[in-house]
Amino acid sequence: MSPDSRKHRGAHPDDPRLFAEDRIPILRQATAELSWLLTRGYSQASSLKTVGDHHGLTARQRVAVGRAACSDQQRQKRDSSRLQIQEAKGRALAIDGFNLIITVEASMSGGVLLLARDGCIRDLSSVHGSYRSVVETENAVRLIGETLEALQPRSATWFLDKPVSNSGRLASVILDLSGERAWQWDVHLVMNPDAAISSGNLMSITSDSVILDRTSRWINFGRYLIECNLPSAWVVNLGD
């Protein structure tokens, strides 16, 4: 099924088998081995192929291991720049829009989530230049807003990929909901959200590895939201 035709961002039909309990130890071992190789300077692509071939992983399992792994250096850097969730109070936040919304959509619709080595929760979805709202989209934005509101930030600026189709429509959904609830939100459609967020002075909300390796301060908001509000979400722990 084409991603653009889905009404939910839930599990792939093969996921119950690919991420069954008896597969988790193998996936955890693969994640540890990939992280070991990355720590020693080996490339992501060649290392993932080596580990995936060794364990006989499918393409989707390899994506999961790739998103869950990180080098020791990356984990240390991300740990050092991560602030406590309560430190959002009174701060101006920069939100990696597609990154956060898609993870929450997947959480709400039974998709596989990965608890990664760096402590972030990531989904297995991808945008690939096109985004289509699903049944859970508006509720996902609302839940994000309500969870943020309780943390009492000063403001939040959402960054969306301008080249991604339907980004303007999603921006309208975000702004409409923020207007209804008097949330201090703004939305920026930019060519490169990664650069815009990581080079700015705002506290970042993202699980994107590229941003986490560059930003000076961030909070693990996605994991906080899921653990507080969606306890039945399907989270596969591939971290240490």
Protein backbone atom coordinates (compact mmCIF):
# COMPACT_ATOMS: atom_id res chain seq x y z
CA MET A 1 0.00 0.00 0.00
CA SER A 2 1.34 3.41 -0.90
CA PRO A 3 2.15 5.63 2.12
CA ASP A 4 -0.05 8.33 0.58
CA SER A 5 -3.13 6.09 0.67
CA ARG A 6 -2.92 5.11 4.33
CA LYS A 7 -5.52 6.35 6.79
CA HIS A 8 -3.34 5.44 9.79
CA ARG A 9 0.40 5.41 10.46
CA GLY A 10 0.23 2.05 12.16
CA ALA A 11 2.19 -1.17 12.00
CA HIS A 12 3.31 -2.85 8.80
CA PRO A 13 1.57 -6.24 8.30
CA ASP A 14 4.89 -8.03 8.88
CA ASP A 15 5.78 -6.15 12.07
CA PRO A 16 4.22 -8.64 14.53
CA ARG A 17 6.63 -11.23 13.13
CA LEU A 18 9.65 -8.99 12.54
CA PHE A 19 9.47 -7.51 16.04
CA ALA A 20 8.13 -10.50 17.95
CA GLU A 21 9.53 -11.15 21.43
CA ASP A 22 11.86 -13.88 20.19
CA ARG A 23 13.42 -11.47 17.68
CA ILE A 24 14.18 -8.69 20.15
CA PRO A 25 17.40 -10.21 21.60
CA ILE A 26 18.79 -10.55 18.07
CA LEU A 27 17.85 -6.98 17.19
CA ARG A 28 19.36 -5.70 20.43
CA GLN A 29 22.58 -7.57 19.71
CA ALA A 30 22.67 -6.17 16.18
CA THR A 31 22.17 -2.66 17.56
CA ALA A 32 25.02 -3.15 20.02
CA GLU A 33 27.32 -4.47 17.30
CA LEU A 34 26.50 -1.62 14.92
CA SER A 35 27.10 0.89 17.71
CA TRP A 36 30.48 -0.76 18.44
CA LEU A 37 31.52 -0.38 14.81
CA LEU A 38 30.31 3.24 14.64
CA THR A 39 32.28 4.04 17.78
CA ARG A 40 35.42 2.86 16.01
CA GLY A 41 34.84 5.01 12.97
CA TYR A 42 33.36 2.53 10.52
CA SER A 43 30.76 3.90 8.10
CA GLN A 44 27.04 3.55 8.84
CA ALA A 45 26.18 1.94 5.50
CA SER A 46 28.89 -0.71 5.41
CA SER A 47 28.56 -1.49 9.10
CA LEU A 48 24.80 -1.90 8.88
CA LYS A 49 25.19 -4.23 5.91
CA THR A 50 27.77 -6.32 7.76
CA VAL A 51 25.64 -6.61 10.90
CA GLY A 52 22.42 -7.13 8.94
CA ASP A 53 23.92 -9.88 6.81
CA HIS A 54 25.42 -11.57 9.86
CA HIS A 55 22.06 -11.75 11.64
CA GLY A 56 19.95 -12.31 8.52
CA LEU A 57 17.90 -9.17 9.10
CA THR A 58 15.19 -8.00 6.73
CA ALA A 59 15.28 -4.52 5.21
CA ARG A 60 12.77 -3.22 7.77
CA GLN A 61 14.71 -4.71 10.67
CA ARG A 62 17.86 -3.06 9.34
CA VAL A 63 16.10 0.30 9.32
CA ALA A 64 15.16 -0.28 12.95
CA VAL A 65 18.69 -1.21 13.99
CA GLY A 66 20.10 1.76 12.07
CA ARG A 67 17.77 4.17 13.84
CA ALA A 68 18.40 2.66 17.27
CA ALA A 69 22.19 2.56 17.12
CA CYS A 70 24.69 5.34 17.72
CA SER A 71 28.35 5.60 18.57
CA ASP A 72 29.61 6.13 22.11
CA GLN A 73 30.71 9.62 21.06
CA GLN A 74 27.25 10.48 19.76
CA ARG A 75 25.56 9.18 22.89
CA GLN A 76 27.91 11.16 25.12
CA LYS A 77 27.32 14.35 23.15
CA ARG A 78 23.55 13.90 23.18
CA ASP A 79 23.57 13.13 26.90
CA SER A 80 25.60 16.25 27.65
CA SER A 81 23.29 18.58 25.70
CA ARG A 82 20.00 17.08 26.92
CA LEU A 83 18.17 19.14 29.53
CA GLN A 84 15.55 17.96 31.98
CA ILE A 85 11.99 18.12 30.69
CA GLN A 86 11.03 20.61 33.42
CA GLU A 87 13.59 23.07 32.05
CA ALA A 88 11.20 23.86 29.21
CA LYS A 89 9.37 26.19 31.57
CA GLY A 90 9.70 29.77 30.42
CA ARG A 91 11.84 28.77 27.42
CA ALA A 92 11.34 29.32 23.70
CA LEU A 93 11.20 25.96 21.93
CA ALA A 94 12.05 24.85 18.39
CA ILE A 95 9.97 21.86 17.29
CA ASP A 96 11.04 19.49 14.51
CA GLY A 97 7.48 19.27 13.21
CA PHE A 98 7.30 16.21 10.98
CA ASN A 99 9.67 14.31 13.24
CA LEU A 100 7.46 14.79 16.30
CA ILE A 101 4.02 14.57 14.71
CA ILE A 102 4.73 11.36 12.78
CA THR A 103 6.08 9.66 15.90
CA VAL A 104 2.96 10.60 17.87
CA GLU A 105 0.70 9.52 14.98
CA ALA A 106 2.47 6.14 14.92
CA SER A 107 2.12 5.86 18.69
CA MET A 108 -1.62 6.47 18.52
CA SER A 109 -2.22 3.99 15.71
CA GLY A 110 -0.26 0.99 16.96
CA GLY A 111 2.93 1.46 14.95
CA VAL A 112 6.27 0.06 16.07
CA LEU A 113 8.35 2.49 18.12
CA LEU A 114 12.01 2.03 18.90
CA LEU A 115 13.61 2.96 22.21
CA ALA A 116 17.07 3.74 20.91
CA ARG A 117 20.51 3.62 22.49
CA ASP A 118 20.51 7.39 23.07
CA GLY A 119 17.22 7.22 24.99
CA CYS A 120 15.03 8.64 22.22
CA ILE A 121 11.91 6.97 20.89
CA ARG A 122 11.80 6.79 17.09
CA ASP A 123 9.26 5.45 14.61
CA LEU A 124 9.79 3.50 11.40
CA SER A 125 7.93 5.91 9.14
CA SER A 126 9.50 8.12 6.50
CA VAL A 127 8.31 11.16 4.59
CA HIS A 128 10.23 10.80 1.27
CA GLY A 129 9.12 14.19 -0.02
CA SER A 130 5.42 13.67 0.62
CA TYR A 131 3.27 13.87 3.72
CA ARG A 132 -0.40 13.04 4.01
CA SER A 133 -2.48 13.61 7.12
CA VAL A 134 -3.95 10.51 8.73
CA VAL A 135 -6.88 9.98 11.06
CA GLU A 136 -4.68 10.67 14.08
CA THR A 137 -3.03 13.88 12.84
CA GLU A 138 -5.25 16.49 14.48
CA ASN A 139 -5.41 14.56 17.75
CA ALA A 140 -1.63 14.16 17.67
CA VAL A 141 -1.12 17.91 17.34
CA ARG A 142 -3.65 18.52 20.09
CA LEU A 143 -1.95 16.05 22.43
CA ILE A 144 1.42 17.65 21.72
CA GLY A 145 -0.05 21.04 22.55
CA GLU A 146 -1.70 19.91 25.77
CA THR A 147 1.48 18.18 26.93
CA LEU A 148 3.55 21.25 26.09
CA GLU A 149 1.09 23.55 27.82
CA ALA A 150 1.61 21.72 31.10
CA LEU A 151 5.35 22.41 30.83
CA GLN A 152 4.68 26.17 30.53
CA PRO A 153 7.17 27.16 27.80
CA ARG A 154 7.29 30.80 26.75
CA SER A 155 6.65 29.96 23.09
CA ALA A 156 7.08 27.26 20.47
CA THR A 157 8.21 27.61 16.87
CA TRP A 158 7.40 24.70 14.59
CA PHE A 159 9.73 24.00 11.67
CA LEU A 160 8.34 22.08 8.69
CA ASP A 161 10.13 21.00 5.51
CA LYS A 162 8.90 23.38 2.83
CA PRO A 163 9.71 20.96 -0.07
CA VAL A 164 7.51 18.23 1.44
CA SER A 165 4.08 18.18 -0.15
CA ASN A 166 1.16 19.14 2.10
CA SER A 167 3.47 20.91 4.57
CA GLY A 168 1.35 24.03 4.12
CA ARG A 169 -1.80 22.14 5.04
CA LEU A 170 -0.18 20.75 8.15
CA ALA A 171 0.97 24.25 9.07
CA SER A 172 -2.67 25.38 8.86
CA VAL A 173 -3.77 22.56 11.19
CA ILE A 174 -1.10 23.55 13.70
CA LEU A 175 -1.97 27.24 13.57
CA ASP A 176 -5.74 26.64 13.75
CA LEU A 177 -5.37 24.51 16.88
CA SER A 178 -2.97 26.97 18.49
CA GLY A 179 -5.44 29.78 17.77
CA GLU A 180 -8.29 27.87 19.40
CA ARG A 181 -6.25 27.19 22.53
CA ALA A 182 -4.28 30.46 22.67
CA TRP A 183 -0.98 28.60 22.49
CA GLN A 184 1.99 30.81 21.67
CA TRP A 185 2.96 28.97 18.50
CA ASP A 186 4.43 29.96 15.18
CA VAL A 187 5.15 27.81 12.12
CA HIS A 188 8.06 28.27 9.74
CA LEU A 189 8.20 26.46 6.40
CA VAL A 190 11.92 26.18 5.63
CA MET A 191 14.07 24.38 3.10
CA ASN A 192 16.23 22.72 5.74
CA PRO A 193 14.69 22.35 9.20
CA ASP A 194 17.72 20.44 10.47
CA ALA A 195 19.98 23.43 9.89
CA ALA A 196 17.41 25.96 11.08
CA ILE A 197 16.85 24.15 14.38
CA SER A 198 20.41 23.09 15.15
CA SER A 199 21.94 26.49 14.35
CA GLY A 200 19.43 28.49 16.39
CA ASN A 201 19.41 29.46 20.04
CA LEU A 202 16.10 27.79 20.96
CA MET A 203 15.70 24.61 22.98
CA SER A 204 15.16 21.79 20.47
CA ILE A 205 12.42 19.17 20.45
CA THR A 206 13.45 16.38 18.10
CA SER A 207 14.70 12.80 17.90
CA ASP A 208 16.51 13.42 14.62
CA SER A 209 20.11 12.23 14.93
CA VAL A 210 21.54 14.98 12.73
CA ILE A 211 20.00 17.72 14.87
CA LEU A 212 20.89 16.00 18.15
CA ASP A 213 24.54 15.85 17.12
CA ARG A 214 24.57 19.61 16.46
CA THR A 215 22.16 21.30 18.85
CA SER A 216 23.44 22.85 22.06
CA ARG A 217 20.35 21.96 24.13
CA TRP A 218 17.32 19.75 23.69
CA ILE A 219 14.68 17.92 25.67
CA ASN A 220 13.48 14.37 25.10
CA PHE A 221 9.90 15.51 24.70
CA GLY A 222 8.69 12.75 22.38
CA ARG A 223 9.57 10.02 24.86
CA TYR A 224 8.09 12.05 27.71
CA LEU A 225 4.81 12.52 25.84
CA ILE A 226 4.49 8.84 24.95
CA GLU A 227 5.35 7.53 28.40
CA CYS A 228 2.97 9.98 30.10
CA ASN A 229 0.01 9.81 27.72
CA LEU A 230 0.26 6.67 25.58
CA PRO A 231 1.34 3.88 27.94
CA SER A 232 -0.02 1.16 25.64
CA ALA A 233 2.14 2.27 22.69
CA TRP A 234 4.20 -0.52 21.11
CA VAL A 235 7.74 0.34 22.16
CA VAL A 236 10.56 -2.07 21.29
CA ASN A 237 13.61 -1.50 23.48
CA LEU A 238 16.76 -1.83 21.38
CA GLY A 239 18.96 0.27 23.65
CA ASP A 240 21.34 -0.79 26.36
